[in-house]
């Protein structure tokens, strides 16, 4: 199966870098320190205008857990509707109940609202009490893929579970490894999991371009930015892996 590489982009420049480097999809986010929150409407709209590959904004109104109030869910509904209005290809969501099961009812409502956009269930999955039951619930409500690190901090650590999920999914849903995915582990991860889609931020620190710096301020003014060379290398390695051996 042809591979796909999704790049988690925390600003427009990173999304443009990912597109130019050959990625197939952008997960558009704000809030890198919180693991990704919903980007603002201006970023979503301009990204949709500038990016010709698939754009999937994350719908996550805050950092922290994935147990949402009615008010937060109302925000999520409005954000999904906005993404649909401006022509995004899909959205990324994740909702749990207090007992660690998938919030099927509200997930289904978001999937229905998003249609015909695609829907990825994000790493809220990694906090679910039973990953196999969670996957079946996510399939039943109509999501097209699950982003997971195999219920470990990074996908290489969770590769065994990811492989089990890929096997149980049996092409009913895409299982996409993410977290800690880099060029130096992508081939081992692909071989161990048998996954066909992969997710990475390929992040690096971009230093500030300011000429004047107030030395009394202690904040680090560098930005999280996608690393073009890292993306190109991952794509090259995955492409080479797919080529027939002579």
Protein backbone atom coordinates (compact mmCIF):
# COMPACT_ATOMS: atom_id res chain seq x y z
CA UNK A 1 0.00 0.00 0.00
CA UNK A 2 1.43 3.46 -0.88
CA UNK A 3 2.59 5.32 2.20
CA UNK A 4 1.34 8.71 3.32
CA UNK A 5 3.18 11.16 5.54
CA UNK A 6 1.26 13.66 7.65
CA UNK A 7 3.08 16.62 9.16
CA UNK A 8 1.80 18.27 12.33
CA UNK A 9 2.30 21.98 11.57
CA UNK A 10 2.07 24.66 14.23
CA UNK A 11 2.21 27.62 11.85
CA UNK A 12 1.67 28.43 8.19
CA UNK A 13 5.37 28.40 7.34
CA UNK A 14 5.73 24.85 8.66
CA UNK A 15 2.75 23.76 6.56
CA UNK A 16 4.30 25.35 3.46
CA UNK A 17 7.64 23.67 4.22
CA UNK A 18 5.89 20.30 4.60
CA UNK A 19 4.02 20.74 1.35
CA UNK A 20 7.16 21.71 -0.58
CA UNK A 21 9.07 18.77 0.93
CA UNK A 22 6.51 16.28 -0.37
CA UNK A 23 4.20 15.50 2.54
CA UNK A 24 0.68 14.35 1.66
CA UNK A 25 -1.30 15.89 4.53
CA UNK A 26 -1.10 18.62 7.15
CA UNK A 27 -2.48 18.33 10.66
CA UNK A 28 -2.87 22.03 11.44
CA UNK A 29 -2.44 22.92 15.10
CA UNK A 30 -1.75 25.69 17.57
CA UNK A 31 -0.29 25.22 21.06
CA UNK A 32 2.78 23.00 20.63
CA UNK A 33 3.47 23.11 24.38
CA UNK A 34 0.02 21.58 25.01
CA UNK A 35 0.34 18.88 22.37
CA UNK A 36 -1.85 20.73 19.89
CA UNK A 37 -4.96 22.86 20.19
CA UNK A 38 -7.39 24.29 17.64
CA UNK A 39 -5.71 26.85 15.38
CA UNK A 40 -7.37 30.23 14.94
CA UNK A 41 -9.78 30.86 12.07
CA UNK A 42 -7.34 33.14 10.28
CA UNK A 43 -4.66 30.44 10.16
CA UNK A 44 -7.18 27.81 9.03
CA UNK A 45 -8.51 30.02 6.23
CA UNK A 46 -5.11 31.15 4.94
CA UNK A 47 -3.72 27.61 5.14
CA UNK A 48 -6.65 26.40 3.06
CA UNK A 49 -5.89 29.11 0.48
CA UNK A 50 -2.13 28.42 0.34
CA UNK A 51 -1.93 24.65 0.83
CA UNK A 52 -3.00 22.33 -1.99
CA UNK A 53 -2.42 19.05 -0.10
CA UNK A 54 -4.96 17.85 2.48
CA UNK A 55 -5.47 20.11 5.50
CA UNK A 56 -6.90 18.64 8.72
CA UNK A 57 -7.15 21.13 11.61
CA UNK A 58 -7.18 19.66 15.08
CA UNK A 59 -10.36 20.39 17.04
CA UNK A 60 -9.20 20.61 20.64
CA UNK A 61 -10.36 23.62 22.63
CA UNK A 62 -7.73 23.29 25.37
CA UNK A 63 -4.78 21.25 26.56
CA UNK A 64 -5.09 18.64 29.26
CA UNK A 65 -7.41 15.67 29.22
CA UNK A 66 -10.07 14.71 26.69
CA UNK A 67 -13.14 14.87 28.93
CA UNK A 68 -15.10 17.89 27.73
CA UNK A 69 -17.89 19.97 29.20
CA UNK A 70 -21.05 20.74 27.28
CA UNK A 71 -19.73 24.24 26.64
CA UNK A 72 -16.43 22.90 25.29
CA UNK A 73 -18.30 20.48 23.06
CA UNK A 74 -20.35 23.38 21.70
CA UNK A 75 -17.08 25.12 20.81
CA UNK A 76 -15.90 21.97 19.03
CA UNK A 77 -19.13 21.77 17.03
CA UNK A 78 -18.72 25.36 15.86
CA UNK A 79 -15.05 24.78 14.97
CA UNK A 80 -15.90 21.71 12.89
CA UNK A 81 -18.60 23.69 11.08
CA UNK A 82 -16.08 26.45 10.33
CA UNK A 83 -13.53 23.98 8.92
CA UNK A 84 -16.22 22.57 6.68
CA UNK A 85 -17.27 26.06 5.58
CA UNK A 86 -13.78 27.08 4.45
CA UNK A 87 -13.12 23.84 2.57
CA UNK A 88 -10.77 21.83 4.77
CA UNK A 89 -10.36 18.17 3.80
CA UNK A 90 -10.96 16.85 7.28
CA UNK A 91 -10.68 17.42 11.02
CA UNK A 92 -8.89 15.73 13.91
CA UNK A 93 -10.86 15.02 17.09
CA UNK A 94 -10.71 12.92 20.24
CA UNK A 95 -13.19 12.62 23.11
CA UNK A 96 -13.26 10.25 26.08
CA UNK A 97 -15.66 9.44 28.88
CA UNK A 98 -14.50 9.68 32.49
CA UNK A 99 -14.03 5.89 32.64
CA UNK A 100 -11.55 5.91 29.75
CA UNK A 101 -13.96 4.66 27.09
CA UNK A 102 -14.59 6.49 23.82
CA UNK A 103 -17.31 9.14 23.99
CA UNK A 104 -19.17 7.52 21.10
CA UNK A 105 -22.23 9.76 21.22
CA UNK A 106 -20.45 13.07 20.87
CA UNK A 107 -17.77 11.68 18.55
CA UNK A 108 -20.56 10.47 16.25
CA UNK A 109 -22.17 13.91 16.30
CA UNK A 110 -18.90 15.54 15.23
CA UNK A 111 -18.37 12.96 12.49
CA UNK A 112 -21.90 13.55 11.20
CA UNK A 113 -21.43 17.32 11.30
CA UNK A 114 -18.08 17.08 9.48
CA UNK A 115 -19.39 14.88 6.64
CA UNK A 116 -18.22 14.65 3.87
CA UNK A 117 -14.91 15.71 5.46
CA UNK A 118 -12.64 12.96 6.73
CA UNK A 119 -12.17 12.53 10.49
CA UNK A 120 -9.05 11.37 12.33
CA UNK A 121 -9.33 10.31 15.97
CA UNK A 122 -6.19 11.67 17.62
CA UNK A 123 -4.00 10.47 20.50
CA UNK A 124 -6.81 10.72 23.01
CA UNK A 125 -6.92 7.08 21.92
CA UNK A 126 -3.71 6.49 23.88
CA UNK A 127 -5.52 7.30 27.12
CA UNK A 128 -8.35 4.83 26.45
CA UNK A 129 -8.79 2.01 28.94
CA UNK A 130 -8.96 -0.76 26.33
CA UNK A 131 -7.34 0.00 22.97
CA UNK A 132 -9.06 -2.79 21.05
CA UNK A 133 -12.55 -1.92 22.28
CA UNK A 134 -11.73 1.76 21.68
CA UNK A 135 -10.76 1.02 18.09
CA UNK A 136 -14.02 -0.83 17.46
CA UNK A 137 -15.99 2.09 18.91
CA UNK A 138 -14.11 4.56 16.72
CA UNK A 139 -14.74 2.42 13.64
CA UNK A 140 -18.45 2.20 14.49
CA UNK A 141 -18.91 6.00 14.51
CA UNK A 142 -17.26 6.50 11.13
CA UNK A 143 -13.74 7.86 11.71
CA UNK A 144 -11.28 7.09 8.92
CA UNK A 145 -8.07 6.78 10.95
CA UNK A 146 -6.59 6.68 14.43
CA UNK A 147 -3.42 8.53 15.36
CA UNK A 148 -1.64 6.57 18.08
CA UNK A 149 1.70 6.00 19.77
CA UNK A 150 0.55 2.57 20.88
CA UNK A 151 -0.38 3.82 24.37
CA UNK A 152 3.27 4.67 25.07
CA UNK A 153 4.98 8.08 25.02
CA UNK A 154 6.37 7.43 21.53
CA UNK A 155 5.35 5.25 18.60
CA UNK A 156 8.62 3.26 18.54
CA UNK A 157 7.96 2.31 22.17
CA UNK A 158 4.37 1.33 21.35
CA UNK A 159 5.14 -0.43 18.06
CA UNK A 160 4.01 -3.88 19.24
CA UNK A 161 0.53 -2.63 20.13
CA UNK A 162 0.34 -0.59 16.94
CA UNK A 163 1.04 -3.75 14.95
CA UNK A 164 -1.73 -5.60 16.82
CA UNK A 165 -4.13 -2.76 16.07
CA UNK A 166 -3.21 -2.76 12.38
CA UNK A 167 -3.91 -6.48 12.25
CA UNK A 168 -7.24 -6.24 14.08
CA UNK A 169 -8.29 -3.24 11.99
CA UNK A 170 -7.95 -5.39 8.86
CA UNK A 171 -8.27 -2.34 6.58
CA UNK A 172 -11.50 -1.15 8.26
CA UNK A 173 -9.67 1.92 9.59
CA UNK A 174 -6.18 3.36 9.13
CA UNK A 175 -3.85 3.07 12.11
CA UNK A 176 -1.31 5.91 11.88
CA UNK A 177 1.73 5.87 14.20
CA UNK A 178 2.74 9.23 15.59
CA UNK A 179 4.94 10.73 18.34
CA UNK A 180 8.68 10.38 18.23
CA UNK A 181 8.66 9.47 14.52
CA UNK A 182 11.91 10.54 12.89
CA UNK A 183 14.08 9.61 9.94
CA UNK A 184 16.35 7.52 12.13
CA UNK A 185 13.53 5.20 13.21
CA UNK A 186 10.97 5.36 10.37
CA UNK A 187 12.03 2.16 8.58
CA UNK A 188 12.16 0.08 11.75
CA UNK A 189 8.77 1.49 12.74
CA UNK A 190 7.24 0.75 9.33
CA UNK A 191 8.56 -2.80 9.36
CA UNK A 192 7.48 -3.51 12.94
CA UNK A 193 3.98 -2.00 12.69
CA UNK A 194 3.07 -2.73 9.05
CA UNK A 195 1.46 0.73 8.99
CA UNK A 196 1.09 2.68 5.75
CA UNK A 197 0.52 6.19 7.13
CA UNK A 198 2.85 8.03 9.49
CA UNK A 199 2.64 11.27 11.48
CA UNK A 200 5.43 13.55 12.63
CA UNK A 201 6.00 17.19 13.42
CA UNK A 202 9.61 16.86 12.20
CA UNK A 203 10.11 19.77 14.52
CA UNK A 204 13.15 21.89 15.01
CA UNK A 205 13.76 25.24 16.69
CA UNK A 206 13.86 28.25 14.41
CA UNK A 207 15.80 31.14 15.96
CA UNK A 208 14.25 34.58 16.07
CA UNK A 209 15.13 36.88 13.17
CA UNK A 210 14.93 39.99 15.33
CA UNK A 211 17.94 42.30 15.02
CA UNK A 212 17.24 43.92 18.38
CA UNK A 213 17.04 41.67 21.45
CA UNK A 214 16.20 42.98 24.90
CA UNK A 215 18.75 41.12 27.03
CA UNK A 216 16.72 41.85 30.19
CA UNK A 217 14.03 39.44 28.96
CA UNK A 218 14.68 35.77 29.60
CA UNK A 219 12.12 34.17 27.26
CA UNK A 220 13.28 31.90 24.47
CA UNK A 221 11.99 33.63 21.33
CA UNK A 222 12.69 30.73 18.97
CA UNK A 223 9.73 29.11 17.21
CA UNK A 224 8.71 25.50 16.63
CA UNK A 225 9.19 24.92 12.91
CA UNK A 226 9.08 21.97 10.54
CA UNK A 227 12.49 20.73 9.41
CA UNK A 228 12.45 20.39 5.61
CA UNK A 229 15.50 18.15 5.47
CA UNK A 230 13.99 15.76 8.02
CA UNK A 231 10.74 15.50 6.03
CA UNK A 232 12.58 14.92 2.76
CA UNK A 233 14.68 12.20 4.38
CA UNK A 234 11.64 10.39 5.82
CA UNK A 235 9.90 10.47 2.45
CA UNK A 236 13.03 9.22 0.67
CA UNK A 237 13.43 6.32 3.10
CA UNK A 238 9.77 5.30 2.82
CA UNK A 239 9.91 5.57 -0.99
CA UNK A 240 13.02 3.41 -1.17
CA UNK A 241 11.39 0.83 1.08
CA UNK A 242 8.43 0.56 -1.31
CA UNK A 243 10.51 0.10 -4.44
CA UNK A 244 10.80 -3.49 -5.71
CA UNK A 245 14.08 -5.18 -4.88
CA UNK A 246 16.11 -6.07 -7.99
